């Protein structure tokens, strides 16, 4: 039985150590929010399936090979010979500024449909995790997410929604009605403090109250270096960020989700769940790559006792 099902687009990501230009070295990696979460969970020992489409090209086949190698089940993935795997370029412009460029219009991932869903796998899972990225890709992809959420909700499977608003894919005005329509079937909402207004109006307290009033059980608010908060009907829990040297913050939000979902699967209390989410985010931010530096279960706590420059022997 699969504990978690994730649904979304996986891409080939090319990273540049400086401004992108002819003659510059670009290093290929696997990227995609839902894939990042899936790998984070798999490394912590959870069973997880990734659902989506890739192109019948070297990038798509490498996406599936990498996910399988990380212990993620990809038996429900579709290889589409009519569309290419999406591409993403990450440009490290300065030490503090990264730029992301997409080549994903009409990609295989954008063509995921409700017909691609492994309905029985979703119904038998403990959790379904989706993000606000996939519905932005196409009407068909938005319908796939809506259908998956409906299937999970009807089967009593908890649904986790990471707002993950991408301004290069759609505006707040476009995203808001699509994501708000999912909320009555969502168990958990995760959002950056600058994203919460996409799914609810007003101050943080007002937005959280509105979400809880719709039936959402918990709302996680990410605050970056200021930590995070977990809201429930019983109140709120706050956690400070783990002090690390930030190397690459891309993927830190996905790692946060993986940590939170992992703790939920383990039946952890709310403070412990939030601590694990913040800790996973710190692992991602202090290592290079979207997911490559994420810890295994035995490594999980090592970051809490490390000193800058320390080598464990």
C-alpha atoms as a PDB file:
ATOM      1  CA  UNK A   1       0.000   0.000   0.000  1.00  0.00           C
ATOM      2  CA  UNK A   2       1.269   3.452  -0.922  1.00  0.00           C
ATOM      3  CA  UNK A   3       1.264   5.892   1.991  1.00  0.00           C
ATOM      4  CA  UNK A   4       1.415   9.069  -0.103  1.00  0.00           C
ATOM      5  CA  UNK A   5       0.457   9.845  -3.699  1.00  0.00           C
ATOM      6  CA  UNK A   6       1.833  12.988  -5.324  1.00  0.00           C
ATOM      7  CA  UNK A   7       0.532  14.407  -8.595  1.00  0.00           C
ATOM      8  CA  UNK A   8       2.327  16.945 -10.757  1.00  0.00           C
ATOM      9  CA  UNK A   9       4.930  17.745 -13.386  1.00  0.00           C
ATOM     10  CA  UNK A  10       8.538  16.621 -13.180  1.00  0.00           C
ATOM     11  CA  UNK A  11      11.027  18.524 -15.294  1.00  0.00           C
ATOM     12  CA  UNK A  12      14.629  18.412 -16.409  1.00  0.00           C
ATOM     13  CA  UNK A  13      16.329  21.294 -14.607  1.00  0.00           C
ATOM     14  CA  UNK A  14      19.537  22.837 -15.895  1.00  0.00           C
ATOM     15  CA  UNK A  15      21.585  24.812 -13.391  1.00  0.00           C
ATOM     16  CA  UNK A  16      24.126  27.490 -14.174  1.00  0.00           C
ATOM     17  CA  UNK A  17      26.748  28.674 -11.705  1.00  0.00           C
ATOM     18  CA  UNK A  18      26.482  32.176 -13.136  1.00  0.00           C
ATOM     19  CA  UNK A  19      24.559  34.158 -15.753  1.00  0.00           C
ATOM     20  CA  UNK A  20      23.210  31.920 -18.514  1.00  0.00           C
ATOM     21  CA  UNK A  21      25.057  32.415 -21.788  1.00  0.00           C
ATOM     22  CA  UNK A  22      26.549  30.547 -24.705  1.00  0.00           C
ATOM     23  CA  UNK A  23      29.528  28.483 -23.653  1.00  0.00           C
ATOM     24  CA  UNK A  24      28.405  28.304 -20.021  1.00  0.00           C
ATOM     25  CA  UNK A  25      28.177  24.941 -18.272  1.00  0.00           C
ATOM     26  CA  UNK A  26      24.658  23.758 -17.451  1.00  0.00           C
ATOM     27  CA  UNK A  27      24.234  20.794 -15.124  1.00  0.00           C
ATOM     28  CA  UNK A  28      21.050  18.714 -15.545  1.00  0.00           C
ATOM     29  CA  UNK A  29      18.942  17.612 -12.578  1.00  0.00           C
ATOM     30  CA  UNK A  30      15.448  16.360 -11.810  1.00  0.00           C
ATOM     31  CA  UNK A  31      13.058  19.090 -10.648  1.00  0.00           C
ATOM     32  CA  UNK A  32       9.386  19.498  -9.826  1.00  0.00           C
ATOM     33  CA  UNK A  33       7.715  20.317  -6.521  1.00  0.00           C
ATOM     34  CA  UNK A  34       5.759  17.082  -6.234  1.00  0.00           C
ATOM     35  CA  UNK A  35       8.792  14.974  -7.168  1.00  0.00           C
ATOM     36  CA  UNK A  36      10.855  16.820  -4.543  1.00  0.00           C
ATOM     37  CA  UNK A  37       8.271  15.992  -1.890  1.00  0.00           C
ATOM     38  CA  UNK A  38       8.111  12.376  -3.049  1.00  0.00           C
ATOM     39  CA  UNK A  39      11.887  11.940  -2.790  1.00  0.00           C
ATOM     40  CA  UNK A  40      11.983  13.643   0.606  1.00  0.00           C
ATOM     41  CA  UNK A  41       9.374  11.222   1.921  1.00  0.00           C
ATOM     42  CA  UNK A  42      11.023   8.176   0.350  1.00  0.00           C
ATOM     43  CA  UNK A  43      14.368   9.042   1.947  1.00  0.00           C
ATOM     44  CA  UNK A  44      12.625   9.077   5.325  1.00  0.00           C
ATOM     45  CA  UNK A  45      11.348   5.563   4.694  1.00  0.00           C
ATOM     46  CA  UNK A  46       7.793   6.218   3.536  1.00  0.00           C
ATOM     47  CA  UNK A  47       6.166   4.540   0.540  1.00  0.00           C
ATOM     48  CA  UNK A  48       5.225   7.125  -2.063  1.00  0.00           C
ATOM     49  CA  UNK A  49       3.949   7.177  -5.645  1.00  0.00           C
ATOM     50  CA  UNK A  50       4.435   9.937  -8.204  1.00  0.00           C
ATOM     51  CA  UNK A  51       1.731  10.421 -10.842  1.00  0.00           C
ATOM     52  CA  UNK A  52       2.281  12.477 -13.976  1.00  0.00           C
ATOM     53  CA  UNK A  53       3.421  12.514 -17.602  1.00  0.00           C
ATOM     54  CA  UNK A  54       6.869  12.736 -19.119  1.00  0.00           C
ATOM     55  CA  UNK A  55       7.949  12.859 -22.724  1.00  0.00           C
ATOM     56  CA  UNK A  56       9.318   9.840 -24.588  1.00  0.00           C
ATOM     57  CA  UNK A  57      12.702  11.542 -24.688  1.00  0.00           C
ATOM     58  CA  UNK A  58      15.976  11.154 -22.764  1.00  0.00           C
ATOM     59  CA  UNK A  59      14.866  13.705 -20.165  1.00  0.00           C
ATOM     60  CA  UNK A  60      11.584  11.936 -19.451  1.00  0.00           C
ATOM     61  CA  UNK A  61      13.224   8.543 -19.158  1.00  0.00           C
ATOM     62  CA  UNK A  62      15.855   9.999 -16.831  1.00  0.00           C
ATOM     63  CA  UNK A  63      13.123  11.530 -14.663  1.00  0.00           C
ATOM     64  CA  UNK A  64      11.567   8.095 -14.195  1.00  0.00           C
ATOM     65  CA  UNK A  65      14.923   6.389 -13.668  1.00  0.00           C
ATOM     66  CA  UNK A  66      15.906   8.911 -10.987  1.00  0.00           C
ATOM     67  CA  UNK A  67      12.590   8.655  -9.157  1.00  0.00           C
ATOM     68  CA  UNK A  68      12.774   4.861  -9.196  1.00  0.00           C
ATOM     69  CA  UNK A  69      16.340   5.036  -7.933  1.00  0.00           C
ATOM     70  CA  UNK A  70      15.168   7.146  -5.002  1.00  0.00           C
ATOM     71  CA  UNK A  71      12.541   4.570  -4.082  1.00  0.00           C
ATOM     72  CA  UNK A  72       9.527   6.395  -5.530  1.00  0.00           C
ATOM     73  CA  UNK A  73       6.920   4.249  -7.289  1.00  0.00           C
ATOM     74  CA  UNK A  74       6.316   5.464 -10.858  1.00  0.00           C
ATOM     75  CA  UNK A  75       4.140   2.652 -12.177  1.00  0.00           C
ATOM     76  CA  UNK A  76       1.258   5.097 -12.740  1.00  0.00           C
ATOM     77  CA  UNK A  77       3.419   7.552 -14.709  1.00  0.00           C
ATOM     78  CA  UNK A  78       2.601   7.964 -18.406  1.00  0.00           C
ATOM     79  CA  UNK A  79       5.263   8.258 -21.106  1.00  0.00           C
ATOM     80  CA  UNK A  80       3.817  10.564 -23.765  1.00  0.00           C
ATOM     81  CA  UNK A  81       5.280  10.260 -27.258  1.00  0.00           C
ATOM     82  CA  UNK A  82       3.371  13.329 -28.485  1.00  0.00           C
ATOM     83  CA  UNK A  83       4.907  15.949 -26.179  1.00  0.00           C
ATOM     84  CA  UNK A  84       8.298  16.748 -24.700  1.00  0.00           C
ATOM     85  CA  UNK A  85       9.381  16.719 -21.079  1.00  0.00           C
ATOM     86  CA  UNK A  86       9.310  20.229 -19.610  1.00  0.00           C
ATOM     87  CA  UNK A  87      12.568  22.086 -19.009  1.00  0.00           C
ATOM     88  CA  UNK A  88      13.632  24.511 -16.307  1.00  0.00           C
ATOM     89  CA  UNK A  89      16.743  26.671 -16.188  1.00  0.00           C
ATOM     90  CA  UNK A  90      18.077  27.965 -12.863  1.00  0.00           C
ATOM     91  CA  UNK A  91      20.465  30.887 -13.175  1.00  0.00           C
ATOM     92  CA  UNK A  92      22.602  31.713 -10.132  1.00  0.00           C
ATOM     93  CA  UNK A  93      22.853  35.428 -10.902  1.00  0.00           C
ATOM     94  CA  UNK A  94      24.497  36.379  -7.579  1.00  0.00           C
ATOM     95  CA  UNK A  95      25.037  34.655  -4.245  1.00  0.00           C
ATOM     96  CA  UNK A  96      21.651  35.980  -3.132  1.00  0.00           C
ATOM     97  CA  UNK A  97      19.686  36.054  -6.391  1.00  0.00           C
ATOM     98  CA  UNK A  98      18.564  33.093  -8.487  1.00  0.00           C
ATOM     99  CA  UNK A  99      16.365  33.316 -11.566  1.00  0.00           C
ATOM    100  CA  UNK A 100      14.199  30.525 -12.941  1.00  0.00           C
ATOM    101  CA  UNK A 101      13.250  30.242 -16.611  1.00  0.00           C
ATOM    102  CA  UNK A 102      10.704  27.680 -17.864  1.00  0.00           C
ATOM    103  CA  UNK A 103      10.276  25.895 -21.187  1.00  0.00           C
ATOM    104  CA  UNK A 104       7.154  23.931 -20.341  1.00  0.00           C
ATOM    105  CA  UNK A 105       4.272  25.285 -22.472  1.00  0.00           C
ATOM    106  CA  UNK A 106       2.581  22.277 -24.078  1.00  0.00           C
ATOM    107  CA  UNK A 107       4.858  19.880 -22.209  1.00  0.00           C
ATOM    108  CA  UNK A 108       3.965  16.265 -21.495  1.00  0.00           C
ATOM    109  CA  UNK A 109       3.436  17.187 -17.851  1.00  0.00           C
ATOM    110  CA  UNK A 110       0.870  19.821 -18.774  1.00  0.00           C
ATOM    111  CA  UNK A 111      -1.187  17.152 -20.525  1.00  0.00           C
ATOM    112  CA  UNK A 112      -1.831  15.036 -17.442  1.00  0.00           C
ATOM    113  CA  UNK A 113      -5.543  14.237 -17.290  1.00  0.00           C
ATOM    114  CA  UNK A 114      -8.133  12.701 -15.019  1.00  0.00           C
ATOM    115  CA  UNK A 115      -7.884   9.544 -17.124  1.00  0.00           C
ATOM    116  CA  UNK A 116      -4.266   9.144 -15.980  1.00  0.00           C
ATOM    117  CA  UNK A 117      -5.159   8.888 -12.303  1.00  0.00           C
ATOM    118  CA  UNK A 118      -4.516   5.575 -10.484  1.00  0.00           C
ATOM    119  CA  UNK A 119      -7.857   5.776  -8.714  1.00  0.00           C
ATOM    120  CA  UNK A 120      -7.469   2.686  -6.548  1.00  0.00           C
ATOM    121  CA  UNK A 121      -3.974   3.706  -5.457  1.00  0.00           C
ATOM    122  CA  UNK A 122      -5.296   7.110  -4.388  1.00  0.00           C
ATOM    123  CA  UNK A 123      -8.251   5.563  -2.555  1.00  0.00           C
ATOM    124  CA  UNK A 124      -6.003   3.223  -0.568  1.00  0.00           C
ATOM    125  CA  UNK A 125      -3.375   5.849   0.341  1.00  0.00           C
ATOM    126  CA  UNK A 126      -3.076   7.721   3.612  1.00  0.00           C
ATOM    127  CA  UNK A 127      -2.389  11.080   1.958  1.00  0.00           C
ATOM    128  CA  UNK A 128      -2.653  12.811  -1.416  1.00  0.00           C
ATOM    129  CA  UNK A 129      -0.307  15.758  -1.943  1.00  0.00           C
ATOM    130  CA  UNK A 130      -0.931  18.338  -4.665  1.00  0.00           C
ATOM    131  CA  UNK A 131       0.302  21.857  -5.340  1.00  0.00           C
ATOM    132  CA  UNK A 132      -0.903  25.036  -6.966  1.00  0.00           C
ATOM    133  CA  UNK A 133       1.648  24.554  -9.743  1.00  0.00           C
ATOM    134  CA  UNK A 134      -0.064  21.736 -11.624  1.00  0.00           C
ATOM    135  CA  UNK A 135      -3.444  23.477 -12.123  1.00  0.00           C
ATOM    136  CA  UNK A 136      -1.567  26.422 -13.639  1.00  0.00           C
ATOM    137  CA  UNK A 137      -0.205  24.288 -16.478  1.00  0.00           C
ATOM    138  CA  UNK A 138      -3.436  23.701 -18.411  1.00  0.00           C
ATOM    139  CA  UNK A 139      -7.184  23.264 -18.053  1.00  0.00           C
ATOM    140  CA  UNK A 140      -6.675  19.527 -18.417  1.00  0.00           C
ATOM    141  CA  UNK A 141      -4.098  19.457 -15.621  1.00  0.00           C
ATOM    142  CA  UNK A 142      -6.376  21.531 -13.374  1.00  0.00           C
ATOM    143  CA  UNK A 143      -9.178  19.021 -13.959  1.00  0.00           C
ATOM    144  CA  UNK A 144      -6.802  16.169 -13.100  1.00  0.00           C
ATOM    145  CA  UNK A 145      -5.958  17.779  -9.759  1.00  0.00           C
ATOM    146  CA  UNK A 146      -9.618  18.462  -9.008  1.00  0.00           C
ATOM    147  CA  UNK A 147     -10.552  14.872  -9.839  1.00  0.00           C
ATOM    148  CA  UNK A 148      -7.734  13.445  -7.718  1.00  0.00           C
ATOM    149  CA  UNK A 149      -8.761  15.597  -4.753  1.00  0.00           C
ATOM    150  CA  UNK A 150     -12.388  14.493  -5.151  1.00  0.00           C
ATOM    151  CA  UNK A 151     -11.420  10.809  -5.331  1.00  0.00           C
ATOM    152  CA  UNK A 152      -9.261  11.108  -2.221  1.00  0.00           C
ATOM    153  CA  UNK A 153     -11.834  13.056  -0.231  1.00  0.00           C
ATOM    154  CA  UNK A 154     -14.627  10.625  -1.044  1.00  0.00           C
ATOM    155  CA  UNK A 155     -12.416   7.754   0.129  1.00  0.00           C
ATOM    156  CA  UNK A 156     -11.517   9.496   3.386  1.00  0.00           C
ATOM    157  CA  UNK A 157      -7.919  10.120   2.269  1.00  0.00           C
ATOM    158  CA  UNK A 158      -6.386  13.302   3.665  1.00  0.00           C
ATOM    159  CA  UNK A 159      -5.478  15.872   1.026  1.00  0.00           C
ATOM    160  CA  UNK A 160      -2.503  18.211   1.402  1.00  0.00           C
ATOM    161  CA  UNK A 161      -2.384  21.347  -0.760  1.00  0.00           C
ATOM    162  CA  UNK A 162       0.770  23.435  -1.044  1.00  0.00           C
ATOM    163  CA  UNK A 163      -0.285  26.772  -2.567  1.00  0.00           C
ATOM    164  CA  UNK A 164       3.136  27.138  -4.215  1.00  0.00           C
ATOM    165  CA  UNK A 165       2.083  30.140  -6.291  1.00  0.00           C
ATOM    166  CA  UNK A 166       4.264  30.679  -9.374  1.00  0.00           C
ATOM    167  CA  UNK A 167       3.775  34.147 -10.832  1.00  0.00           C
ATOM    168  CA  UNK A 168       5.394  33.120 -14.114  1.00  0.00           C
ATOM    169  CA  UNK A 169       2.670  30.515 -14.606  1.00  0.00           C
ATOM    170  CA  UNK A 170      -0.443  32.430 -13.505  1.00  0.00           C
ATOM    171  CA  UNK A 171      -1.547  35.498 -11.628  1.00  0.00           C
ATOM    172  CA  UNK A 172      -3.121  35.591  -8.176  1.00  0.00           C
ATOM    173  CA  UNK A 173      -6.433  36.456  -9.831  1.00  0.00           C
ATOM    174  CA  UNK A 174      -6.204  33.355 -12.015  1.00  0.00           C
ATOM    175  CA  UNK A 175      -4.999  31.037  -9.256  1.00  0.00           C
ATOM    176  CA  UNK A 176      -7.372  32.064  -6.497  1.00  0.00           C
ATOM    177  CA  UNK A 177     -10.730  30.701  -7.785  1.00  0.00           C
ATOM    178  CA  UNK A 178      -9.151  27.435  -8.953  1.00  0.00           C
ATOM    179  CA  UNK A 179      -7.414  26.689  -5.664  1.00  0.00           C
ATOM    180  CA  UNK A 180     -10.273  27.935  -3.480  1.00  0.00           C
ATOM    181  CA  UNK A 181     -12.609  25.503  -5.227  1.00  0.00           C
ATOM    182  CA  UNK A 182     -10.472  22.648  -3.844  1.00  0.00           C
ATOM    183  CA  UNK A 183     -10.563  23.805  -0.224  1.00  0.00           C
ATOM    184  CA  UNK A 184     -13.746  22.048   1.009  1.00  0.00           C
ATOM    185  CA  UNK A 185     -12.000  18.735   0.232  1.00  0.00           C
ATOM    186  CA  UNK A 186      -8.572  19.681   1.591  1.00  0.00           C
ATOM    187  CA  UNK A 187      -7.275  18.513   4.968  1.00  0.00           C
ATOM    188  CA  UNK A 188      -4.089  20.597   5.096  1.00  0.00           C
ATOM    189  CA  UNK A 189      -3.023  23.855   3.452  1.00  0.00           C
ATOM    190  CA  UNK A 190       0.628  24.868   3.266  1.00  0.00           C
ATOM    191  CA  UNK A 191       1.494  28.405   2.179  1.00  0.00           C
ATOM    192  CA  UNK A 192       4.213  30.972   2.425  1.00  0.00           C
ATOM    193  CA  UNK A 193       3.127  33.997   4.425  1.00  0.00           C
ATOM    194  CA  UNK A 194       3.052  35.915   1.128  1.00  0.00           C
ATOM    195  CA  UNK A 195       0.830  33.254  -0.517  1.00  0.00           C
ATOM    196  CA  UNK A 196      -1.953  32.852   2.023  1.00  0.00           C
ATOM    197  CA  UNK A 197      -4.085  35.531   0.349  1.00  0.00           C
ATOM    198  CA  UNK A 198      -4.336  33.343  -2.757  1.00  0.00           C
ATOM    199  CA  UNK A 199      -6.643  30.963  -0.875  1.00  0.00           C
ATOM    200  CA  UNK A 200      -8.214  33.214   1.775  1.00  0.00           C
ATOM    201  CA  UNK A 201      -8.773  36.916   2.435  1.00  0.00           C
ATOM    202  CA  UNK A 202      -7.685  39.214   5.238  1.00  0.00           C
ATOM    203  CA  UNK A 203      -4.940  39.056   7.822  1.00  0.00           C
ATOM    204  CA  UNK A 204      -3.273  35.761   8.667  1.00  0.00           C
ATOM    205  CA  UNK A 205      -5.678  35.196  11.557  1.00  0.00           C
ATOM    206  CA  UNK A 206      -8.687  35.961   9.366  1.00  0.00           C
ATOM    207  CA  UNK A 207      -7.425  33.807   6.512  1.00  0.00           C
ATOM    208  CA  UNK A 208      -6.724  30.877   8.819  1.00  0.00           C
ATOM    209  CA  UNK A 209     -10.151  31.197  10.441  1.00  0.00           C
ATOM    210  CA  UNK A 210     -11.771  31.147   7.008  1.00  0.00           C
ATOM    211  CA  UNK A 211      -9.832  28.043   5.969  1.00  0.00           C
ATOM    212  CA  UNK A 212     -10.657  26.201   9.195  1.00  0.00           C
ATOM    213  CA  UNK A 213     -14.281  27.201   8.704  1.00  0.00           C
ATOM    214  CA  UNK A 214     -14.284  25.450   5.322  1.00  0.00           C
ATOM    215  CA  UNK A 215     -13.180  22.197   6.923  1.00  0.00           C
ATOM    216  CA  UNK A 216      -9.402  22.448   6.556  1.00  0.00           C
ATOM    217  CA  UNK A 217      -7.887  20.784   9.639  1.00  0.00           C
ATOM    218  CA  UNK A 218      -4.502  22.483   9.719  1.00  0.00           C
ATOM    219  CA  UNK A 219      -2.773  25.405   8.033  1.00  0.00           C
ATOM    220  CA  UNK A 220       1.004  25.619   7.872  1.00  0.00           C
ATOM    221  CA  UNK A 221       2.533  29.037   7.207  1.00  0.00           C
ATOM    222  CA  UNK A 222       6.163  29.151   6.065  1.00  0.00           C
ATOM    223  CA  UNK A 223       8.200  32.203   7.074  1.00  0.00           C
ATOM    224  CA  UNK A 224      11.645  31.339   5.698  1.00  0.00           C
ATOM    225  CA  UNK A 225      14.409  32.385   8.065  1.00  0.00           C
ATOM    226  CA  UNK A 226      11.756  33.436  10.609  1.00  0.00           C
ATOM    227  CA  UNK A 227      10.519  29.861  11.035  1.00  0.00           C
ATOM    228  CA  UNK A 228       6.967  28.613  10.589  1.00  0.00           C
ATOM    229  CA  UNK A 229       3.548  28.323  12.220  1.00  0.00           C
ATOM    230  CA  UNK A 230       1.006  25.508  12.309  1.00  0.00           C
ATOM    231  CA  UNK A 231      -2.604  26.557  12.913  1.00  0.00           C
ATOM    232  CA  UNK A 232      -5.421  24.220  14.004  1.00  0.00           C
ATOM    233  CA  UNK A 233      -8.778  24.721  15.699  1.00  0.00           C
ATOM    234  CA  UNK A 234      -6.990  24.147  19.018  1.00  0.00           C
ATOM    235  CA  UNK A 235      -4.649  27.085  18.458  1.00  0.00           C
ATOM    236  CA  UNK A 236      -1.234  27.631  16.945  1.00  0.00           C
ATOM    237  CA  UNK A 237       2.255  26.202  17.252  1.00  0.00           C
ATOM    238  CA  UNK A 238       5.344  28.199  16.251  1.00  0.00           C
ATOM    239  CA  UNK A 239       8.831  26.992  15.415  1.00  0.00           C
ATOM    240  CA  UNK A 240      12.027  28.931  14.892  1.00  0.00           C
ATOM    241  CA  UNK A 241      14.111  28.270  11.816  1.00  0.00           C
ATOM    242  CA  UNK A 242      17.113  25.974  12.215  1.00  0.00           C
ATOM    243  CA  UNK A 243      20.270  28.066  11.989  1.00  0.00           C
ATOM    244  CA  UNK A 244      22.210  26.955   8.900  1.00  0.00           C
ATOM    245  CA  UNK A 245      24.372  28.478   6.197  1.00  0.00           C
ATOM    246  CA  UNK A 246      21.983  28.951   3.295  1.00  0.00           C
ATOM    247  CA  UNK A 247      23.480  27.621   0.073  1.00  0.00           C
ATOM    248  CA  UNK A 248      20.465  27.087  -2.190  1.00  0.00           C
ATOM    249  CA  UNK A 249      16.889  27.810  -1.095  1.00  0.00           C
ATOM    250  CA  UNK A 250      15.244  26.273  -4.184  1.00  0.00           C
ATOM    251  CA  UNK A 251      13.250  23.267  -2.977  1.00  0.00           C
ATOM    252  CA  UNK A 252      13.226  24.283   0.690  1.00  0.00           C
ATOM    253  CA  UNK A 253       9.438  24.701   0.680  1.00  0.00           C
ATOM    254  CA  UNK A 254       8.987  21.242  -0.813  1.00  0.00           C
ATOM    255  CA  UNK A 255      11.304  19.784   1.820  1.00  0.00           C
ATOM    256  CA  UNK A 256       9.180  21.523   4.470  1.00  0.00           C
ATOM    257  CA  UNK A 257       6.117  19.721   3.064  1.00  0.00           C
ATOM    258  CA  UNK A 258       7.934  16.388   3.060  1.00  0.00           C
ATOM    259  CA  UNK A 259       8.904  16.816   6.694  1.00  0.00           C
ATOM    260  CA  UNK A 260       5.397  17.786   7.718  1.00  0.00           C
ATOM    261  CA  UNK A 261       3.779  14.887   5.853  1.00  0.00           C
ATOM    262  CA  UNK A 262       6.354  12.469   7.245  1.00  0.00           C
ATOM    263  CA  UNK A 263       5.510  13.524  10.788  1.00  0.00           C
ATOM    264  CA  UNK A 264       1.789  13.179  10.054  1.00  0.00           C
ATOM    265  CA  UNK A 265       2.349   9.624   8.836  1.00  0.00           C
ATOM    266  CA  UNK A 266       4.322   8.887  11.993  1.00  0.00           C
ATOM    267  CA  UNK A 267       1.484  10.216  14.154  1.00  0.00           C
ATOM    268  CA  UNK A 268       3.688  12.928  15.665  1.00  0.00           C
ATOM    269  CA  UNK A 269       2.289  15.669  17.876  1.00  0.00           C
ATOM    270  CA  UNK A 270       1.911  19.100  16.270  1.00  0.00           C
ATOM    271  CA  UNK A 271       5.080  20.674  17.751  1.00  0.00           C
ATOM    272  CA  UNK A 272       7.176  17.713  16.622  1.00  0.00           C
ATOM    273  CA  UNK A 273       5.565  17.763  13.179  1.00  0.00           C
ATOM    274  CA  UNK A 274       6.370  21.433  12.688  1.00  0.00           C
ATOM    275  CA  UNK A 275       9.910  20.945  13.980  1.00  0.00           C
ATOM    276  CA  UNK A 276      10.489  18.169  11.445  1.00  0.00           C
ATOM    277  CA  UNK A 277       9.101  20.332   8.638  1.00  0.00           C
ATOM    278  CA  UNK A 278      11.398  23.217   9.552  1.00  0.00           C
ATOM    279  CA  UNK A 279      14.339  20.841   9.889  1.00  0.00           C
ATOM    280  CA  UNK A 280      13.810  19.370   6.412  1.00  0.00           C
ATOM    281  CA  UNK A 281      13.585  22.873   4.995  1.00  0.00           C
ATOM    282  CA  UNK A 282      16.929  23.663   6.618  1.00  0.00           C
ATOM    283  CA  UNK A 283      18.507  20.560   5.095  1.00  0.00           C
ATOM    284  CA  UNK A 284      17.366  21.702   1.644  1.00  0.00           C
ATOM    285  CA  UNK A 285      18.473  25.311   2.081  1.00  0.00           C
ATOM    286  CA  UNK A 286      21.934  24.335   3.321  1.00  0.00           C
ATOM    287  CA  UNK A 287      22.663  21.940   0.447  1.00  0.00           C
ATOM    288  CA  UNK A 288      22.831  22.398  -3.317  1.00  0.00           C
ATOM    289  CA  UNK A 289      19.932  21.199  -5.468  1.00  0.00           C
ATOM    290  CA  UNK A 290      16.185  20.883  -5.074  1.00  0.00           C
ATOM    291  CA  UNK A 291      16.347  17.512  -3.286  1.00  0.00           C
ATOM    292  CA  UNK A 292      19.830  16.022  -3.607  1.00  0.00           C
ATOM    293  CA  UNK A 293      20.893  17.017  -0.084  1.00  0.00           C
ATOM    294  CA  UNK A 294      17.799  15.779   1.723  1.00  0.00           C
ATOM    295  CA  UNK A 295      18.498  13.417   4.634  1.00  0.00           C
ATOM    296  CA  UNK A 296      17.726   9.790   5.237  1.00  0.00           C
ATOM    297  CA  UNK A 297      15.985   8.874   8.491  1.00  0.00           C
ATOM    298  CA  UNK A 298      19.244   8.134  10.384  1.00  0.00           C
ATOM    299  CA  UNK A 299      20.693  11.494   9.282  1.00  0.00           C
ATOM    300  CA  UNK A 300      17.647  13.531  10.187  1.00  0.00           C
ATOM    301  CA  UNK A 301      18.825  15.022  13.473  1.00  0.00           C
ATOM    302  CA  UNK A 302      22.482  15.562  12.586  1.00  0.00           C
ATOM    303  CA  UNK A 303      21.899  19.135  11.447  1.00  0.00           C
ATOM    304  CA  UNK A 304      20.744  20.155  14.928  1.00  0.00           C
ATOM    305  CA  UNK A 305      24.151  19.529  16.535  1.00  0.00           C
ATOM    306  CA  UNK A 306      26.530  20.519  13.748  1.00  0.00           C
ATOM    307  CA  UNK A 307      28.875  23.501  14.027  1.00  0.00           C
ATOM    308  CA  UNK A 308      29.913  25.534  10.977  1.00  0.00           C
ATOM    309  CA  UNK A 309      32.655  23.730   9.060  1.00  0.00           C
ATOM    310  CA  UNK A 310      32.440  20.640  11.260  1.00  0.00           C
ATOM    311  CA  UNK A 311      33.353  17.212   9.900  1.00  0.00           C
ATOM    312  CA  UNK A 312      31.849  14.135  11.558  1.00  0.00           C
ATOM    313  CA  UNK A 313      34.499  11.394  11.785  1.00  0.00           C
END
